[in-house]
Amino acid sequence: MLSSLEKRNLGVPQLPGQGCSFHSFHTNTYKLSFMETPSGIKIILVTHPRTGDLRDPLKYIYNLYVEYVVKNPLYTPGTPIRFELFNTALDQYVRSLS
């Protein structure tokens, strides 16, 4: 049974990356890092198994998504993302992580 404190906190909006206890898992061949935003956007990176914590880079990638996709008046939610500026910025950022 939930305490009264827990009941008051149900449904409270959280910042991207908060409220989720699953951030990553690894095998001997890869590491999967995961972030789900309050709006339901899921960002996943598959990297080398010894890659460190990627929570901050996942938040940065989400911010790129917001700037280049969500704020773009030509984007229709639910359609494939085909914006060269987003693809270029994302590619440059991911390459800078290695």
N, C-alpha and C. Protein backbone atom coordinates (compact mmCIF):
# COMPACT_ATOMS: atom_id res chain seq x y z
N MET A 1 0.84 -1.19 0.00
CA MET A 1 0.00 0.00 0.00
C MET A 1 0.88 1.25 0.00
N LEU A 2 0.50 2.27 -0.79
CA LEU A 2 1.27 3.49 -0.88
C LEU A 2 1.00 4.40 0.31
N SER A 3 2.07 5.06 0.79
CA SER A 3 1.89 6.04 1.85
C SER A 3 1.27 7.29 1.25
N SER A 4 0.82 8.20 2.10
CA SER A 4 0.20 9.43 1.60
C SER A 4 1.22 10.28 0.85
N LEU A 5 2.51 10.24 1.25
CA LEU A 5 3.54 10.99 0.54
C LEU A 5 3.71 10.45 -0.88
N GLU A 6 3.74 9.13 -1.03
CA GLU A 6 3.88 8.53 -2.35
C GLU A 6 2.68 8.85 -3.23
N LYS A 7 1.49 8.86 -2.65
CA LYS A 7 0.29 9.16 -3.43
C LYS A 7 0.32 10.59 -3.95
N ARG A 8 0.83 11.54 -3.18
CA ARG A 8 0.89 12.93 -3.62
C ARG A 8 1.85 13.10 -4.79
N ASN A 9 2.88 12.28 -4.88
CA ASN A 9 3.89 12.45 -5.91
C ASN A 9 3.57 11.72 -7.21
N LEU A 10 2.51 10.93 -7.25
CA LEU A 10 2.18 10.23 -8.48
C LEU A 10 1.80 11.23 -9.56
N GLY A 11 2.36 11.06 -10.74
CA GLY A 11 2.02 11.91 -11.87
C GLY A 11 2.75 13.24 -11.92
N VAL A 12 3.71 13.47 -11.01
CA VAL A 12 4.45 14.72 -11.01
C VAL A 12 5.43 14.71 -12.18
N PRO A 13 5.42 15.73 -13.04
CA PRO A 13 6.36 15.76 -14.17
C PRO A 13 7.80 15.72 -13.69
N GLN A 14 8.65 15.03 -14.44
CA GLN A 14 10.05 14.93 -14.10
C GLN A 14 10.89 15.39 -15.27
N LEU A 15 12.12 15.80 -14.97
CA LEU A 15 13.04 16.24 -16.01
C LEU A 15 13.52 15.05 -16.83
N PRO A 16 13.97 15.28 -18.07
CA PRO A 16 14.48 14.18 -18.88
C PRO A 16 15.56 13.41 -18.15
N GLY A 17 15.46 12.10 -18.17
CA GLY A 17 16.45 11.24 -17.52
C GLY A 17 16.16 10.93 -16.07
N GLN A 18 15.18 11.59 -15.47
CA GLN A 18 14.83 11.32 -14.08
C GLN A 18 13.66 10.35 -14.04
N GLY A 19 13.53 9.65 -12.92
CA GLY A 19 12.38 8.79 -12.72
C GLY A 19 12.50 7.44 -13.37
N CYS A 20 13.62 7.15 -13.96
CA CYS A 20 13.82 5.86 -14.60
C CYS A 20 15.04 5.21 -13.98
N SER A 21 14.87 4.00 -13.45
CA SER A 21 16.01 3.36 -12.81
C SER A 21 16.85 2.59 -13.82
N PHE A 22 16.36 2.37 -15.02
CA PHE A 22 17.11 1.67 -16.05
C PHE A 22 17.83 2.68 -16.93
N HIS A 23 19.14 2.66 -16.91
CA HIS A 23 19.92 3.59 -17.74
C HIS A 23 20.74 2.85 -18.79
N SER A 24 21.20 1.65 -18.44
CA SER A 24 22.03 0.92 -19.40
C SER A 24 22.21 -0.52 -18.96
N PHE A 25 22.66 -1.33 -19.90
CA PHE A 25 23.14 -2.67 -19.59
C PHE A 25 24.22 -3.01 -20.59
N HIS A 26 25.06 -3.95 -20.24
CA HIS A 26 26.12 -4.32 -21.17
C HIS A 26 26.29 -5.83 -21.23
N THR A 27 26.81 -6.26 -22.35
CA THR A 27 27.19 -7.64 -22.56
C THR A 27 28.69 -7.63 -22.83
N ASN A 28 29.25 -8.75 -23.21
CA ASN A 28 30.67 -8.75 -23.54
C ASN A 28 30.95 -8.13 -24.91
N THR A 29 29.92 -7.83 -25.69
CA THR A 29 30.13 -7.26 -27.02
C THR A 29 29.59 -5.84 -27.20
N TYR A 30 28.67 -5.38 -26.35
CA TYR A 30 28.13 -4.03 -26.50
C TYR A 30 27.53 -3.53 -25.19
N LYS A 31 27.30 -2.20 -25.15
CA LYS A 31 26.58 -1.57 -24.05
C LYS A 31 25.42 -0.81 -24.65
N LEU A 32 24.23 -0.95 -24.07
CA LEU A 32 23.05 -0.23 -24.52
C LEU A 32 22.72 0.80 -23.44
N SER A 33 22.70 2.08 -23.83
CA SER A 33 22.34 3.17 -22.92
C SER A 33 20.99 3.71 -23.37
N PHE A 34 20.13 4.03 -22.40
CA PHE A 34 18.73 4.34 -22.67
C PHE A 34 18.26 5.54 -21.87
N MET A 35 17.45 6.40 -22.51
CA MET A 35 16.78 7.49 -21.80
C MET A 35 15.39 7.66 -22.41
N GLU A 36 14.39 7.79 -21.56
CA GLU A 36 13.04 8.09 -22.01
C GLU A 36 12.63 9.43 -21.42
N THR A 37 12.15 10.33 -22.26
CA THR A 37 11.73 11.66 -21.80
C THR A 37 10.30 11.60 -21.29
N PRO A 38 9.89 12.62 -20.54
CA PRO A 38 8.50 12.65 -20.06
C PRO A 38 7.47 12.60 -21.20
N SER A 39 7.85 13.07 -22.38
CA SER A 39 6.93 13.04 -23.52
C SER A 39 6.91 11.69 -24.23
N GLY A 40 7.74 10.75 -23.77
CA GLY A 40 7.74 9.41 -24.35
C GLY A 40 8.79 9.17 -25.40
N ILE A 41 9.61 10.18 -25.71
CA ILE A 41 10.70 10.00 -26.67
C ILE A 41 11.75 9.10 -26.02
N LYS A 42 12.18 8.08 -26.76
CA LYS A 42 13.20 7.17 -26.27
C LYS A 42 14.47 7.36 -27.09
N ILE A 43 15.59 7.52 -26.40
CA ILE A 43 16.88 7.68 -27.06
C ILE A 43 17.76 6.53 -26.60
N ILE A 44 18.34 5.83 -27.57
CA ILE A 44 19.15 4.65 -27.28
C ILE A 44 20.48 4.77 -28.01
N LEU A 45 21.57 4.49 -27.29
CA LEU A 45 22.89 4.44 -27.90
C LEU A 45 23.46 3.05 -27.65
N VAL A 46 24.01 2.45 -28.69
CA VAL A 46 24.70 1.17 -28.57
C VAL A 46 26.18 1.45 -28.79
N THR A 47 27.00 1.12 -27.79
CA THR A 47 28.42 1.48 -27.81
C THR A 47 29.28 0.29 -27.37
N HIS A 48 30.56 0.56 -27.27
CA HIS A 48 31.52 -0.42 -26.77
C HIS A 48 31.13 -0.79 -25.33
N PRO A 49 31.32 -2.03 -24.91
CA PRO A 49 30.88 -2.44 -23.57
C PRO A 49 31.57 -1.70 -22.42
N ARG A 50 32.73 -1.12 -22.65
CA ARG A 50 33.42 -0.41 -21.56
C ARG A 50 33.16 1.09 -21.57
N THR A 51 32.23 1.55 -22.40
CA THR A 51 31.88 2.97 -22.43
C THR A 51 31.30 3.37 -21.08
N GLY A 52 31.64 4.57 -20.63
CA GLY A 52 31.17 5.05 -19.33
C GLY A 52 29.71 5.46 -19.35
N ASP A 53 29.31 6.19 -18.32
CA ASP A 53 27.94 6.66 -18.15
C ASP A 53 27.58 7.65 -19.26
N LEU A 54 26.50 7.40 -19.96
CA LEU A 54 26.11 8.26 -21.09
C LEU A 54 24.83 9.06 -20.81
N ARG A 55 24.46 9.21 -19.56
CA ARG A 55 23.23 9.97 -19.27
C ARG A 55 23.31 11.41 -19.75
N ASP A 56 24.44 12.07 -19.53
CA ASP A 56 24.57 13.46 -19.99
C ASP A 56 24.58 13.55 -21.52
N PRO A 57 25.34 12.70 -22.21
CA PRO A 57 25.24 12.73 -23.67
C PRO A 57 23.83 12.45 -24.20
N LEU A 58 23.09 11.56 -23.57
CA LEU A 58 21.72 11.29 -23.99
C LEU A 58 20.85 12.52 -23.82
N LYS A 59 21.05 13.27 -22.74
CA LYS A 59 20.30 14.52 -22.53
C LYS A 59 20.67 15.54 -23.61
N TYR A 60 21.95 15.60 -23.97
CA TYR A 60 22.40 16.52 -25.01
C TYR A 60 21.75 16.17 -26.34
N ILE A 61 21.71 14.88 -26.65
CA ILE A 61 21.08 14.44 -27.90
C ILE A 61 19.60 14.82 -27.90
N TYR A 62 18.94 14.68 -26.77
CA TYR A 62 17.53 15.09 -26.67
C TYR A 62 17.40 16.59 -26.96
N ASN A 63 18.32 17.39 -26.42
CA ASN A 63 18.28 18.83 -26.67
C ASN A 63 18.49 19.14 -28.16
N LEU A 64 19.37 18.39 -28.82
CA LEU A 64 19.53 18.55 -30.28
C LEU A 64 18.21 18.24 -30.97
N TYR A 65 17.56 17.18 -30.56
CA TYR A 65 16.27 16.79 -31.14
C TYR A 65 15.24 17.91 -30.98
N VAL A 66 15.18 18.49 -29.80
CA VAL A 66 14.22 19.58 -29.56
C VAL A 66 14.54 20.77 -30.45
N GLU A 67 15.81 21.17 -30.51
CA GLU A 67 16.20 22.35 -31.28
C GLU A 67 16.00 22.17 -32.79
N TYR A 68 16.40 21.01 -33.32
CA TYR A 68 16.40 20.83 -34.76
C TYR A 68 15.15 20.15 -35.32
N VAL A 69 14.41 19.44 -34.48
CA VAL A 69 13.25 18.70 -34.98
C VAL A 69 11.95 19.27 -34.42
N VAL A 70 11.82 19.27 -33.11
CA VAL A 70 10.55 19.70 -32.49
C VAL A 70 10.22 21.14 -32.84
N LYS A 71 11.22 22.00 -32.84
CA LYS A 71 10.99 23.42 -33.12
C LYS A 71 10.89 23.73 -34.63
N ASN A 72 11.09 22.72 -35.45
CA ASN A 72 11.02 22.91 -36.90
C ASN A 72 9.55 22.86 -37.35
N PRO A 73 9.05 23.94 -37.92
CA PRO A 73 7.64 23.95 -38.33
C PRO A 73 7.31 22.97 -39.45
N LEU A 74 8.32 22.46 -40.13
CA LEU A 74 8.09 21.51 -41.22
C LEU A 74 7.99 20.07 -40.73
N TYR A 75 8.28 19.84 -39.46
CA TYR A 75 8.24 18.47 -38.94
C TYR A 75 6.83 18.08 -38.51
N THR A 76 6.42 16.90 -38.92
CA THR A 76 5.15 16.33 -38.49
C THR A 76 5.45 15.20 -37.52
N PRO A 77 5.01 15.32 -36.25
CA PRO A 77 5.29 14.26 -35.27
C PRO A 77 4.86 12.89 -35.78
N GLY A 78 5.72 11.91 -35.52
CA GLY A 78 5.43 10.55 -35.92
C GLY A 78 5.99 10.17 -37.29
N THR A 79 6.52 11.15 -38.01
CA THR A 79 7.12 10.85 -39.31
C THR A 79 8.63 10.71 -39.15
N PRO A 80 9.29 10.05 -40.09
CA PRO A 80 10.75 9.93 -40.01
C PRO A 80 11.41 11.31 -39.97
N ILE A 81 12.52 11.38 -39.25
CA ILE A 81 13.26 12.64 -39.13
C ILE A 81 14.24 12.73 -40.29
N ARG A 82 14.01 13.72 -41.16
CA ARG A 82 14.86 13.89 -42.35
C ARG A 82 15.29 15.35 -42.47
N PHE A 83 16.07 15.79 -41.50
CA PHE A 83 16.57 17.16 -41.50
C PHE A 83 18.09 17.13 -41.46
N GLU A 84 18.70 17.64 -42.52
CA GLU A 84 20.15 17.57 -42.65
C GLU A 84 20.87 18.25 -41.49
N LEU A 85 20.36 19.39 -41.01
CA LEU A 85 21.02 20.08 -39.90
C LEU A 85 21.03 19.21 -38.64
N PHE A 86 19.92 18.53 -38.36
CA PHE A 86 19.86 17.63 -37.20
C PHE A 86 20.83 16.48 -37.39
N ASN A 87 20.79 15.85 -38.56
CA ASN A 87 21.67 14.71 -38.81
C ASN A 87 23.14 15.09 -38.68
N THR A 88 23.51 16.26 -39.21
CA THR A 88 24.89 16.72 -39.13
C THR A 88 25.29 17.01 -37.69
N ALA A 89 24.46 17.73 -36.96
CA ALA A 89 24.77 18.06 -35.57
C ALA A 89 24.87 16.80 -34.72
N LEU A 90 23.97 15.87 -34.92
CA LEU A 90 23.99 14.61 -34.18
C LEU A 90 25.25 13.81 -34.51
N ASP A 91 25.57 13.70 -35.79
CA ASP A 91 26.77 12.97 -36.21
C ASP A 91 28.03 13.58 -35.62
N GLN A 92 28.16 14.89 -35.68
CA GLN A 92 29.34 15.56 -35.13
C GLN A 92 29.45 15.33 -33.62
N TYR A 93 28.32 15.42 -32.91
CA TYR A 93 28.35 15.24 -31.47
C TYR A 93 28.73 13.81 -31.10
N VAL A 94 28.12 12.83 -31.75
CA VAL A 94 28.41 11.43 -31.43
C VAL A 94 29.87 11.11 -31.73
N ARG A 95 30.39 11.63 -32.83
CA ARG A 95 31.81 11.41 -33.16
C ARG A 95 32.73 12.05 -32.13
N SER A 96 32.30 13.16 -31.53
CA SER A 96 33.14 13.84 -30.53
C SER A 96 33.21 13.06 -29.21
N LEU A 97 32.31 12.11 -29.01
CA LEU A 97 32.29 11.34 -27.77
C LEU A 97 33.40 10.29 -27.72
N SER A 98 33.91 9.87 -28.87
CA SER A 98 34.90 8.79 -28.87
C SER A 98 36.30 9.28 -28.63
